[in-house]
PDB file of N, CA and C in Angstrom:
ATOM      1  N   UNK A   1       9.636   3.494 -12.820  1.00  0.00           N
ATOM      2  CA  UNK A   1       9.021   2.230 -12.501  1.00  0.00           C
ATOM      3  C   UNK A   1       9.952   1.458 -11.565  1.00  0.00           C
ATOM      4  N   UNK A   2       9.344   0.809 -10.612  1.00  0.00           N
ATOM      5  CA  UNK A   2      10.098   0.008  -9.653  1.00  0.00           C
ATOM      6  C   UNK A   2       9.655  -1.436  -9.801  1.00  0.00           C
ATOM      7  N   UNK A   3      10.604  -2.329  -9.956  1.00  0.00           N
ATOM      8  CA  UNK A   3      10.261  -3.741 -10.101  1.00  0.00           C
ATOM      9  C   UNK A   3      11.005  -4.554  -9.050  1.00  0.00           C
ATOM     10  N   UNK A   4      10.447  -5.700  -8.755  1.00  0.00           N
ATOM     11  CA  UNK A   4      11.074  -6.601  -7.797  1.00  0.00           C
ATOM     12  C   UNK A   4      11.186  -7.987  -8.387  1.00  0.00           C
ATOM     13  N   UNK A   5      11.834  -8.856  -7.664  1.00  0.00           N
ATOM     14  CA  UNK A   5      12.033 -10.203  -8.180  1.00  0.00           C
ATOM     15  C   UNK A   5      10.893 -11.145  -7.828  1.00  0.00           C
ATOM     16  N   UNK A   6      10.003 -10.743  -6.908  1.00  0.00           N
ATOM     17  CA  UNK A   6       8.876 -11.592  -6.536  1.00  0.00           C
ATOM     18  C   UNK A   6       7.701 -10.731  -6.095  1.00  0.00           C
ATOM     19  N   UNK A   7       6.518 -11.345  -6.046  1.00  0.00           N
ATOM     20  CA  UNK A   7       5.342 -10.611  -5.596  1.00  0.00           C
ATOM     21  C   UNK A   7       4.964 -11.082  -4.196  1.00  0.00           C
ATOM     22  N   UNK A   8       3.880 -10.549  -3.684  1.00  0.00           N
ATOM     23  CA  UNK A   8       3.462 -10.868  -2.323  1.00  0.00           C
ATOM     24  C   UNK A   8       2.511 -12.057  -2.270  1.00  0.00           C
ATOM     25  N   UNK A   9       2.224 -12.671  -3.388  1.00  0.00           N
ATOM     26  CA  UNK A   9       1.439 -13.909  -3.462  1.00  0.00           C
ATOM     27  C   UNK A   9       0.079 -13.806  -2.768  1.00  0.00           C
ATOM     28  N   UNK A  10      -0.608 -12.680  -2.973  1.00  0.00           N
ATOM     29  CA  UNK A  10      -1.946 -12.470  -2.398  1.00  0.00           C
ATOM     30  C   UNK A  10      -1.962 -12.575  -0.878  1.00  0.00           C
ATOM     31  N   UNK A  11      -0.858 -12.245  -0.228  1.00  0.00           N
ATOM     32  CA  UNK A  11      -0.749 -12.400   1.214  1.00  0.00           C
ATOM     33  C   UNK A  11      -0.407 -11.049   1.837  1.00  0.00           C
ATOM     34  N   UNK A  12      -1.318 -10.528   2.684  1.00  0.00           N
ATOM     35  CA  UNK A  12      -1.115  -9.222   3.319  1.00  0.00           C
ATOM     36  C   UNK A  12       0.199  -9.185   4.101  1.00  0.00           C
ATOM     37  N   UNK A  13       0.413 -10.165   4.968  1.00  0.00           N
ATOM     38  CA  UNK A  13       1.609 -10.174   5.819  1.00  0.00           C
ATOM     39  C   UNK A  13       2.887 -10.217   4.985  1.00  0.00           C
ATOM     40  N   UNK A  14       2.863 -10.963   3.912  1.00  0.00           N
ATOM     41  CA  UNK A  14       4.029 -11.046   3.027  1.00  0.00           C
ATOM     42  C   UNK A  14       4.290  -9.696   2.356  1.00  0.00           C
ATOM     43  N   UNK A  15       3.224  -9.025   1.929  1.00  0.00           N
ATOM     44  CA  UNK A  15       3.376  -7.721   1.293  1.00  0.00           C
ATOM     45  C   UNK A  15       3.801  -6.633   2.252  1.00  0.00           C
ATOM     46  N   UNK A  16       3.406  -6.740   3.508  1.00  0.00           N
ATOM     47  CA  UNK A  16       3.712  -5.702   4.491  1.00  0.00           C
ATOM     48  C   UNK A  16       5.031  -5.964   5.217  1.00  0.00           C
ATOM     49  N   UNK A  17       5.262  -7.190   5.631  1.00  0.00           N
ATOM     50  CA  UNK A  17       6.397  -7.484   6.507  1.00  0.00           C
ATOM     51  C   UNK A  17       7.597  -8.136   5.829  1.00  0.00           C
ATOM     52  N   UNK A  18       7.398  -8.869   4.749  1.00  0.00           N
ATOM     53  CA  UNK A  18       8.511  -9.613   4.154  1.00  0.00           C
ATOM     54  C   UNK A  18       8.998  -8.953   2.868  1.00  0.00           C
ATOM     55  N   UNK A  19       8.267  -9.144   1.792  1.00  0.00           N
ATOM     56  CA  UNK A  19       8.661  -8.590   0.494  1.00  0.00           C
ATOM     57  C   UNK A  19       8.622  -7.062   0.544  1.00  0.00           C
ATOM     58  N   UNK A  20       7.626  -6.511   1.218  1.00  0.00           N
ATOM     59  CA  UNK A  20       7.492  -5.060   1.306  1.00  0.00           C
ATOM     60  C   UNK A  20       8.665  -4.391   1.992  1.00  0.00           C
ATOM     61  N   UNK A  21       9.160  -4.993   3.067  1.00  0.00           N
ATOM     62  CA  UNK A  21      10.297  -4.424   3.799  1.00  0.00           C
ATOM     63  C   UNK A  21      11.554  -4.353   2.932  1.00  0.00           C
ATOM     64  N   UNK A  22      11.658  -5.277   1.970  1.00  0.00           N
ATOM     65  CA  UNK A  22      12.841  -5.297   1.108  1.00  0.00           C
ATOM     66  C   UNK A  22      12.835  -4.172   0.077  1.00  0.00           C
ATOM     67  N   UNK A  23      11.663  -3.721  -0.337  1.00  0.00           N
ATOM     68  CA  UNK A  23      11.590  -2.772  -1.450  1.00  0.00           C
ATOM     69  C   UNK A  23      11.079  -1.388  -1.031  1.00  0.00           C
ATOM     70  N   UNK A  24      10.577  -1.243   0.185  1.00  0.00           N
ATOM     71  CA  UNK A  24       9.967   0.030   0.578  1.00  0.00           C
ATOM     72  C   UNK A  24      10.982   1.176   0.596  1.00  0.00           C
ATOM     73  N   UNK A  25      12.221   0.909   0.983  1.00  0.00           N
ATOM     74  CA  UNK A  25      13.218   1.978   1.003  1.00  0.00           C
ATOM     75  C   UNK A  25      13.561   2.459  -0.403  1.00  0.00           C
ATOM     76  N   UNK A  26      13.613   1.540  -1.361  1.00  0.00           N
ATOM     77  CA  UNK A  26      13.848   1.920  -2.762  1.00  0.00           C
ATOM     78  C   UNK A  26      12.705   2.804  -3.249  1.00  0.00           C
ATOM     79  N   UNK A  27      11.480   2.415  -2.927  1.00  0.00           N
ATOM     80  CA  UNK A  27      10.307   3.205  -3.333  1.00  0.00           C
ATOM     81  C   UNK A  27      10.329   4.586  -2.697  1.00  0.00           C
ATOM     82  N   UNK A  28      10.650   4.653  -1.412  1.00  0.00           N
ATOM     83  CA  UNK A  28      10.694   5.948  -0.740  1.00  0.00           C
ATOM     84  C   UNK A  28      11.799   6.832  -1.315  1.00  0.00           C
ATOM     85  N   UNK A  29      12.926   6.246  -1.689  1.00  0.00           N
ATOM     86  CA  UNK A  29      13.994   7.025  -2.327  1.00  0.00           C
ATOM     87  C   UNK A  29      13.517   7.622  -3.643  1.00  0.00           C
ATOM     88  N   UNK A  30      12.808   6.832  -4.442  1.00  0.00           N
ATOM     89  CA  UNK A  30      12.286   7.327  -5.726  1.00  0.00           C
ATOM     90  C   UNK A  30      11.256   8.426  -5.497  1.00  0.00           C
ATOM     91  N   UNK A  31      10.393   8.246  -4.516  1.00  0.00           N
ATOM     92  CA  UNK A  31       9.385   9.268  -4.202  1.00  0.00           C
ATOM     93  C   UNK A  31      10.073  10.542  -3.732  1.00  0.00           C
ATOM     94  N   UNK A  32      11.097  10.412  -2.907  1.00  0.00           N
ATOM     95  CA  UNK A  32      11.843  11.559  -2.405  1.00  0.00           C
ATOM     96  C   UNK A  32      12.485  12.333  -3.555  1.00  0.00           C
ATOM     97  N   UNK A  33      13.056  11.619  -4.515  1.00  0.00           N
ATOM     98  CA  UNK A  33      13.679  12.268  -5.679  1.00  0.00           C
ATOM     99  C   UNK A  33      12.634  13.044  -6.472  1.00  0.00           C
ATOM    100  N   UNK A  34      11.483  12.419  -6.715  1.00  0.00           N
ATOM    101  CA  UNK A  34      10.417  13.100  -7.460  1.00  0.00           C
ATOM    102  C   UNK A  34       9.886  14.305  -6.689  1.00  0.00           C
ATOM    103  N   UNK A  35       9.728  14.172  -5.380  1.00  0.00           N
ATOM    104  CA  UNK A  35       9.229  15.285  -4.567  1.00  0.00           C
ATOM    105  C   UNK A  35      10.234  16.433  -4.541  1.00  0.00           C
ATOM    106  N   UNK A  36      11.522  16.114  -4.534  1.00  0.00           N
ATOM    107  CA  UNK A  36      12.552  17.152  -4.531  1.00  0.00           C
ATOM    108  C   UNK A  36      12.571  17.946  -5.834  1.00  0.00           C
ATOM    109  N   UNK A  37      12.120  17.342  -6.933  1.00  0.00           N
ATOM    110  CA  UNK A  37      12.063  18.043  -8.213  1.00  0.00           C
ATOM    111  C   UNK A  37      10.863  18.982  -8.308  1.00  0.00           C
ATOM    112  N   UNK A  38       9.938  18.888  -7.385  1.00  0.00           N
ATOM    113  CA  UNK A  38       8.761  19.764  -7.379  1.00  0.00           C
ATOM    114  C   UNK A  38       9.068  21.016  -6.566  1.00  0.00           C
ATOM    115  N   UNK A  39       8.545  22.161  -7.019  1.00  0.00           N
ATOM    116  CA  UNK A  39       8.751  23.396  -6.278  1.00  0.00           C
ATOM    117  C   UNK A  39       7.998  23.385  -4.956  1.00  0.00           C
ATOM    118  N   UNK A  40       6.760  22.928  -4.999  1.00  0.00           N
ATOM    119  CA  UNK A  40       5.928  22.922  -3.795  1.00  0.00           C
ATOM    120  C   UNK A  40       4.943  21.756  -3.866  1.00  0.00           C
ATOM    121  N   UNK A  41       5.396  20.552  -3.557  1.00  0.00           N
ATOM    122  CA  UNK A  41       4.474  19.404  -3.654  1.00  0.00           C
ATOM    123  C   UNK A  41       3.316  19.554  -2.673  1.00  0.00           C
ATOM    124  N   UNK A  42       2.110  19.309  -3.161  1.00  0.00           N
ATOM    125  CA  UNK A  42       0.913  19.468  -2.339  1.00  0.00           C
ATOM    126  C   UNK A  42       0.478  18.171  -1.680  1.00  0.00           C
ATOM    127  N   UNK A  43       0.805  17.027  -2.298  1.00  0.00           N
ATOM    128  CA  UNK A  43       0.380  15.760  -1.727  1.00  0.00           C
ATOM    129  C   UNK A  43       0.611  14.616  -2.689  1.00  0.00           C
ATOM    130  N   UNK A  44      -0.069  13.520  -2.409  1.00  0.00           N
ATOM    131  CA  UNK A  44       0.126  12.294  -3.168  1.00  0.00           C
ATOM    132  C   UNK A  44      -1.210  11.711  -3.587  1.00  0.00           C
ATOM    133  N   UNK A  45      -1.259  11.166  -4.792  1.00  0.00           N
ATOM    134  CA  UNK A  45      -2.404  10.390  -5.265  1.00  0.00           C
ATOM    135  C   UNK A  45      -1.981   8.933  -5.262  1.00  0.00           C
ATOM    136  N   UNK A  46      -2.722   8.114  -4.558  1.00  0.00           N
ATOM    137  CA  UNK A  46      -2.386   6.698  -4.442  1.00  0.00           C
ATOM    138  C   UNK A  46      -3.506   5.878  -5.050  1.00  0.00           C
ATOM    139  N   UNK A  47      -3.167   5.042  -6.004  1.00  0.00           N
ATOM    140  CA  UNK A  47      -4.119   4.122  -6.626  1.00  0.00           C
ATOM    141  C   UNK A  47      -3.702   2.717  -6.220  1.00  0.00           C
ATOM    142  N   UNK A  48      -4.623   1.989  -5.583  1.00  0.00           N
ATOM    143  CA  UNK A  48      -4.271   0.643  -5.148  1.00  0.00           C
ATOM    144  C   UNK A  48      -5.490  -0.233  -5.004  1.00  0.00           C
ATOM    145  N   UNK A  49      -5.222  -1.514  -4.912  1.00  0.00           N
ATOM    146  CA  UNK A  49      -6.266  -2.503  -4.685  1.00  0.00           C
ATOM    147  C   UNK A  49      -6.179  -2.963  -3.240  1.00  0.00           C
ATOM    148  N   UNK A  50      -7.321  -3.234  -2.621  1.00  0.00           N
ATOM    149  CA  UNK A  50      -7.310  -3.777  -1.264  1.00  0.00           C
ATOM    150  C   UNK A  50      -7.143  -5.287  -1.273  1.00  0.00           C
ATOM    151  N   UNK A  51      -7.154  -5.888  -2.439  1.00  0.00           N
ATOM    152  CA  UNK A  51      -6.967  -7.331  -2.542  1.00  0.00           C
ATOM    153  C   UNK A  51      -5.513  -7.653  -2.813  1.00  0.00           C
ATOM    154  N   UNK A  52      -5.113  -8.841  -2.488  1.00  0.00           N
ATOM    155  CA  UNK A  52      -3.750  -9.279  -2.746  1.00  0.00           C
ATOM    156  C   UNK A  52      -2.780  -8.759  -1.717  1.00  0.00           C
ATOM    157  N   UNK A  53      -1.550  -9.192  -1.826  1.00  0.00           N
ATOM    158  CA  UNK A  53      -0.540  -8.803  -0.858  1.00  0.00           C
ATOM    159  C   UNK A  53       0.119  -7.478  -1.173  1.00  0.00           C
ATOM    160  N   UNK A  54       0.302  -7.184  -2.453  1.00  0.00           N
ATOM    161  CA  UNK A  54       0.928  -5.924  -2.827  1.00  0.00           C
ATOM    162  C   UNK A  54      -0.028  -4.768  -2.602  1.00  0.00           C
ATOM    163  N   UNK A  55      -1.270  -4.924  -3.035  1.00  0.00           N
ATOM    164  CA  UNK A  55      -2.249  -3.854  -2.885  1.00  0.00           C
ATOM    165  C   UNK A  55      -2.618  -3.579  -1.444  1.00  0.00           C
ATOM    166  N   UNK A  56      -2.760  -4.619  -0.653  1.00  0.00           N
ATOM    167  CA  UNK A  56      -3.157  -4.413   0.739  1.00  0.00           C
ATOM    168  C   UNK A  56      -1.948  -4.254   1.651  1.00  0.00           C
ATOM    169  N   UNK A  57      -1.037  -5.205   1.639  1.00  0.00           N
ATOM    170  CA  UNK A  57       0.091  -5.193   2.566  1.00  0.00           C
ATOM    171  C   UNK A  57       1.142  -4.150   2.256  1.00  0.00           C
ATOM    172  N   UNK A  58       1.674  -4.185   1.041  1.00  0.00           N
ATOM    173  CA  UNK A  58       2.734  -3.246   0.690  1.00  0.00           C
ATOM    174  C   UNK A  58       2.216  -1.814   0.636  1.00  0.00           C
ATOM    175  N   UNK A  59       1.026  -1.623   0.090  1.00  0.00           N
ATOM    176  CA  UNK A  59       0.486  -0.263  -0.007  1.00  0.00           C
ATOM    177  C   UNK A  59       0.235   0.330   1.375  1.00  0.00           C
ATOM    178  N   UNK A  60      -0.203  -0.471   2.342  1.00  0.00           N
ATOM    179  CA  UNK A  60      -0.391   0.068   3.692  1.00  0.00           C
ATOM    180  C   UNK A  60       0.958   0.420   4.323  1.00  0.00           C
ATOM    181  N   UNK A  61       1.991  -0.353   4.036  1.00  0.00           N
ATOM    182  CA  UNK A  61       3.337  -0.019   4.501  1.00  0.00           C
ATOM    183  C   UNK A  61       3.804   1.296   3.880  1.00  0.00           C
ATOM    184  N   UNK A  62       3.552   1.475   2.580  1.00  0.00           N
ATOM    185  CA  UNK A  62       3.912   2.731   1.911  1.00  0.00           C
ATOM    186  C   UNK A  62       3.159   3.914   2.508  1.00  0.00           C
ATOM    187  N   UNK A  63       1.882   3.715   2.815  1.00  0.00           N
ATOM    188  CA  UNK A  63       1.095   4.796   3.421  1.00  0.00           C
ATOM    189  C   UNK A  63       1.664   5.179   4.789  1.00  0.00           C
ATOM    190  N   UNK A  64       2.095   4.189   5.561  1.00  0.00           N
ATOM    191  CA  UNK A  64       2.722   4.474   6.857  1.00  0.00           C
ATOM    192  C   UNK A  64       3.982   5.303   6.673  1.00  0.00           C
ATOM    193  N   UNK A  65       4.810   4.914   5.717  1.00  0.00           N
ATOM    194  CA  UNK A  65       6.061   5.632   5.466  1.00  0.00           C
ATOM    195  C   UNK A  65       5.799   7.042   4.934  1.00  0.00           C
ATOM    196  N   UNK A  66       4.817   7.174   4.031  1.00  0.00           N
ATOM    197  CA  UNK A  66       4.481   8.505   3.512  1.00  0.00           C
ATOM    198  C   UNK A  66       3.985   9.405   4.633  1.00  0.00           C
ATOM    199  N   UNK A  67       3.164   8.859   5.521  1.00  0.00           N
ATOM    200  CA  UNK A  67       2.652   9.648   6.642  1.00  0.00           C
ATOM    201  C   UNK A  67       3.772  10.062   7.588  1.00  0.00           C
ATOM    202  N   UNK A  68       4.733   9.171   7.809  1.00  0.00           N
ATOM    203  CA  UNK A  68       5.850   9.488   8.698  1.00  0.00           C
ATOM    204  C   UNK A  68       6.761  10.556   8.094  1.00  0.00           C
ATOM    205  N   UNK A  69       7.014  10.468   6.800  1.00  0.00           N
ATOM    206  CA  UNK A  69       7.961  11.380   6.168  1.00  0.00           C
ATOM    207  C   UNK A  69       7.316  12.669   5.659  1.00  0.00           C
ATOM    208  N   UNK A  70       6.077  12.580   5.193  1.00  0.00           N
ATOM    209  CA  UNK A  70       5.376  13.741   4.634  1.00  0.00           C
ATOM    210  C   UNK A  70       4.056  13.934   5.378  1.00  0.00           C
ATOM    211  N   UNK A  71       4.113  14.023   6.680  1.00  0.00           N
ATOM    212  CA  UNK A  71       2.922  14.041   7.527  1.00  0.00           C
ATOM    213  C   UNK A  71       1.870  15.072   7.154  1.00  0.00           C
ATOM    214  N   UNK A  72       2.267  16.278   6.830  1.00  0.00           N
ATOM    215  CA  UNK A  72       1.313  17.356   6.549  1.00  0.00           C
ATOM    216  C   UNK A  72       0.781  17.341   5.119  1.00  0.00           C
ATOM    217  N   UNK A  73       1.391  16.576   4.254  1.00  0.00           N
ATOM    218  CA  UNK A  73       0.952  16.539   2.855  1.00  0.00           C
ATOM    219  C   UNK A  73      -0.313  15.703   2.709  1.00  0.00           C
ATOM    220  N   UNK A  74      -1.151  16.101   1.772  1.00  0.00           N
ATOM    221  CA  UNK A  74      -2.392  15.384   1.496  1.00  0.00           C
ATOM    222  C   UNK A  74      -2.089  14.051   0.840  1.00  0.00           C
ATOM    223  N   UNK A  75      -2.819  13.036   1.255  1.00  0.00           N
ATOM    224  CA  UNK A  75      -2.710  11.710   0.641  1.00  0.00           C
ATOM    225  C   UNK A  75      -4.115  11.297   0.213  1.00  0.00           C
ATOM    226  N   UNK A  76      -4.376  11.372  -1.078  1.00  0.00           N
ATOM    227  CA  UNK A  76      -5.685  11.031  -1.627  1.00  0.00           C
ATOM    228  C   UNK A  76      -5.596   9.640  -2.222  1.00  0.00           C
ATOM    229  N   UNK A  77      -6.413   8.734  -1.685  1.00  0.00           N
ATOM    230  CA  UNK A  77      -6.302   7.325  -2.050  1.00  0.00           C
ATOM    231  C   UNK A  77      -7.520   6.878  -2.836  1.00  0.00           C
ATOM    232  N   UNK A  78      -7.267   6.230  -3.967  1.00  0.00           N
ATOM    233  CA  UNK A  78      -8.320   5.622  -4.778  1.00  0.00           C
ATOM    234  C   UNK A  78      -8.162   4.118  -4.635  1.00  0.00           C
ATOM    235  N   UNK A  79      -9.132   3.478  -4.006  1.00  0.00           N
ATOM    236  CA  UNK A  79      -9.008   2.055  -3.674  1.00  0.00           C
ATOM    237  C   UNK A  79     -10.014   1.211  -4.433  1.00  0.00           C
ATOM    238  N   UNK A  80      -9.589   0.019  -4.783  1.00  0.00           N
ATOM    239  CA  UNK A  80     -10.444  -0.952  -5.462  1.00  0.00           C
ATOM    240  C   UNK A  80     -10.601  -2.144  -4.534  1.00  0.00           C
ATOM    241  N   UNK A  81     -11.849  -2.522  -4.275  1.00  0.00           N
ATOM    242  CA  UNK A  81     -12.132  -3.691  -3.444  1.00  0.00           C
ATOM    243  C   UNK A  81     -12.302  -4.913  -4.338  1.00  0.00           C
ATOM    244  N   UNK A  82     -11.824  -6.070  -3.910  1.00  0.00           N
ATOM    245  CA  UNK A  82     -12.005  -7.276  -4.725  1.00  0.00           C
ATOM    246  C   UNK A  82     -13.459  -7.730  -4.715  1.00  0.00           C
ATOM    247  N   UNK A  83     -13.911  -8.255  -5.826  1.00  0.00           N
ATOM    248  CA  UNK A  83     -15.279  -8.776  -5.935  1.00  0.00           C
ATOM    249  C   UNK A  83     -15.217 -10.296  -5.993  1.00  0.00           C
ATOM    250  N   UNK A  84     -16.031 -10.983  -5.199  1.00  0.00           N
ATOM    251  CA  UNK A  84     -15.990 -12.449  -5.214  1.00  0.00           C
ATOM    252  C   UNK A  84     -16.388 -13.044  -6.561  1.00  0.00           C
ATOM    253  N   UNK A  85     -17.132 -12.297  -7.389  1.00  0.00           N
ATOM    254  CA  UNK A  85     -17.535 -12.798  -8.699  1.00  0.00           C
ATOM    255  C   UNK A  85     -16.363 -12.816  -9.680  1.00  0.00           C
ATOM    256  N   UNK A  86     -15.369 -11.982  -9.447  1.00  0.00           N
ATOM    257  CA  UNK A  86     -14.258 -11.839 -10.381  1.00  0.00           C
ATOM    258  C   UNK A  86     -12.969 -12.465  -9.852  1.00  0.00           C
ATOM    259  N   UNK A  87     -12.767 -12.407  -8.561  1.00  0.00           N
ATOM    260  CA  UNK A  87     -11.519 -12.842  -7.955  1.00  0.00           C
ATOM    261  C   UNK A  87     -11.258 -14.332  -8.157  1.00  0.00           C
ATOM    262  N   UNK A  88      -9.998 -14.654  -8.422  1.00  0.00           N
ATOM    263  CA  UNK A  88      -9.606 -16.058  -8.564  1.00  0.00           C
ATOM    264  C   UNK A  88      -9.149 -16.657  -7.236  1.00  0.00           C
ATOM    265  N   UNK A  89      -8.853 -15.818  -6.272  1.00  0.00           N
ATOM    266  CA  UNK A  89      -8.389 -16.294  -4.966  1.00  0.00           C
ATOM    267  C   UNK A  89      -9.417 -15.935  -3.898  1.00  0.00           C
ATOM    268  N   UNK A  90      -9.948 -16.926  -3.239  1.00  0.00           N
ATOM    269  CA  UNK A  90     -10.977 -16.684  -2.228  1.00  0.00           C
ATOM    270  C   UNK A  90     -10.453 -15.922  -1.022  1.00  0.00           C
ATOM    271  N   UNK A  91      -9.182 -16.038  -0.727  1.00  0.00           N
ATOM    272  CA  UNK A  91      -8.661 -15.395   0.474  1.00  0.00           C
ATOM    273  C   UNK A  91      -8.337 -13.919   0.285  1.00  0.00           C
ATOM    274  N   UNK A  92      -8.613 -13.346  -0.884  1.00  0.00           N
ATOM    275  CA  UNK A  92      -8.436 -11.903  -1.053  1.00  0.00           C
ATOM    276  C   UNK A  92      -9.338 -11.131  -0.109  1.00  0.00           C
ATOM    277  N   UNK A  93     -10.506 -11.674   0.161  1.00  0.00           N
ATOM    278  CA  UNK A  93     -11.435 -11.015   1.080  1.00  0.00           C
ATOM    279  C   UNK A  93     -10.802 -10.895   2.462  1.00  0.00           C
ATOM    280  N   UNK A  94     -10.021 -11.891   2.879  1.00  0.00           N
ATOM    281  CA  UNK A  94      -9.376 -11.834   4.187  1.00  0.00           C
ATOM    282  C   UNK A  94      -8.362 -10.696   4.254  1.00  0.00           C
ATOM    283  N   UNK A  95      -7.661 -10.435   3.159  1.00  0.00           N
ATOM    284  CA  UNK A  95      -6.717  -9.318   3.127  1.00  0.00           C
ATOM    285  C   UNK A  95      -7.451  -8.002   3.336  1.00  0.00           C
ATOM    286  N   UNK A  96      -8.630  -7.877   2.745  1.00  0.00           N
ATOM    287  CA  UNK A  96      -9.430  -6.658   2.915  1.00  0.00           C
ATOM    288  C   UNK A  96      -9.874  -6.525   4.361  1.00  0.00           C
ATOM    289  N   UNK A  97     -10.333  -7.610   4.961  1.00  0.00           N
ATOM    290  CA  UNK A  97     -10.790  -7.575   6.355  1.00  0.00           C
ATOM    291  C   UNK A  97      -9.640  -7.193   7.282  1.00  0.00           C
ATOM    292  N   UNK A  98      -8.468  -7.772   7.059  1.00  0.00           N
ATOM    293  CA  UNK A  98      -7.301  -7.434   7.885  1.00  0.00           C
ATOM    294  C   UNK A  98      -6.945  -5.967   7.711  1.00  0.00           C
ATOM    295  N   UNK A  99      -6.904  -5.495   6.478  1.00  0.00           N
ATOM    296  CA  UNK A  99      -6.533  -4.113   6.205  1.00  0.00           C
ATOM    297  C   UNK A  99      -7.512  -3.141   6.838  1.00  0.00           C
ATOM    298  N   UNK A 100      -8.795  -3.384   6.670  1.00  0.00           N
ATOM    299  CA  UNK A 100      -9.799  -2.477   7.228  1.00  0.00           C
ATOM    300  C   UNK A 100      -9.757  -2.504   8.749  1.00  0.00           C
ATOM    301  N   UNK A 101      -9.534  -3.670   9.346  1.00  0.00           N
ATOM    302  CA  UNK A 101      -9.481  -3.737  10.806  1.00  0.00           C
ATOM    303  C   UNK A 101      -8.246  -3.029  11.354  1.00  0.00           C
ATOM    304  N   UNK A 102      -7.169  -2.957  10.577  1.00  0.00           N
ATOM    305  CA  UNK A 102      -5.990  -2.220  11.014  1.00  0.00           C
ATOM    306  C   UNK A 102      -6.195  -0.718  10.888  1.00  0.00           C
ATOM    307  N   UNK A 103      -6.882  -0.308   9.836  1.00  0.00           N
ATOM    308  CA  UNK A 103      -7.118   1.119   9.606  1.00  0.00           C
ATOM    309  C   UNK A 103      -8.233   1.640  10.508  1.00  0.00           C
ATOM    310  N   UNK A 104      -9.300   0.855  10.649  1.00  0.00           N
ATOM    311  CA  UNK A 104     -10.452   1.239  11.464  1.00  0.00           C
ATOM    312  C   UNK A 104     -10.704   0.151  12.503  1.00  0.00           C
ATOM    313  N   UNK A 105      -9.975   0.174  13.635  1.00  0.00           N
ATOM    314  CA  UNK A 105     -10.146  -0.883  14.636  1.00  0.00           C
ATOM    315  C   UNK A 105     -11.583  -0.952  15.145  1.00  0.00           C
ATOM    316  N   UNK A 106     -12.040  -2.162  15.375  1.00  0.00           N
ATOM    317  CA  UNK A 106     -13.395  -2.384  15.868  1.00  0.00           C
ATOM    318  C   UNK A 106     -13.418  -2.126  17.368  1.00  0.00           C
ATOM    319  N   UNK A 107     -14.304  -1.262  17.803  1.00  0.00           N
ATOM    320  CA  UNK A 107     -14.465  -0.946  19.222  1.00  0.00           C
ATOM    321  C   UNK A 107     -15.503  -1.869  19.837  1.00  0.00           C
ATOM    322  N   UNK A 108     -15.160  -2.535  20.921  1.00  0.00           N
ATOM    323  CA  UNK A 108     -16.117  -3.433  21.586  1.00  0.00           C
ATOM    324  C   UNK A 108     -16.515  -2.855  22.922  1.00  0.00           C
TER     325      UNK A 108
END
């Protein structure tokens, strides 16, 4: 388990560029150690939320790092989208829009 002293406060940019940058190397080191203990790792299962700063911002940073370091390995992602009926923060939807637009740019 990896813990930090603060969260991303439902902010994509904070999860990707600020808080995420501080902890991503620790996470990659832990992943590297676990992968080294496997005889033949086939890929990664990623469970995350598209809402909030950690789920959207930090997880997208982790996906970038995993792709850079383990490019040929499979990355199977299980994602949860925030629902406006349940969410306490209205701006979670904006994190999803930003994340999707970065992953699938809109062609005009």
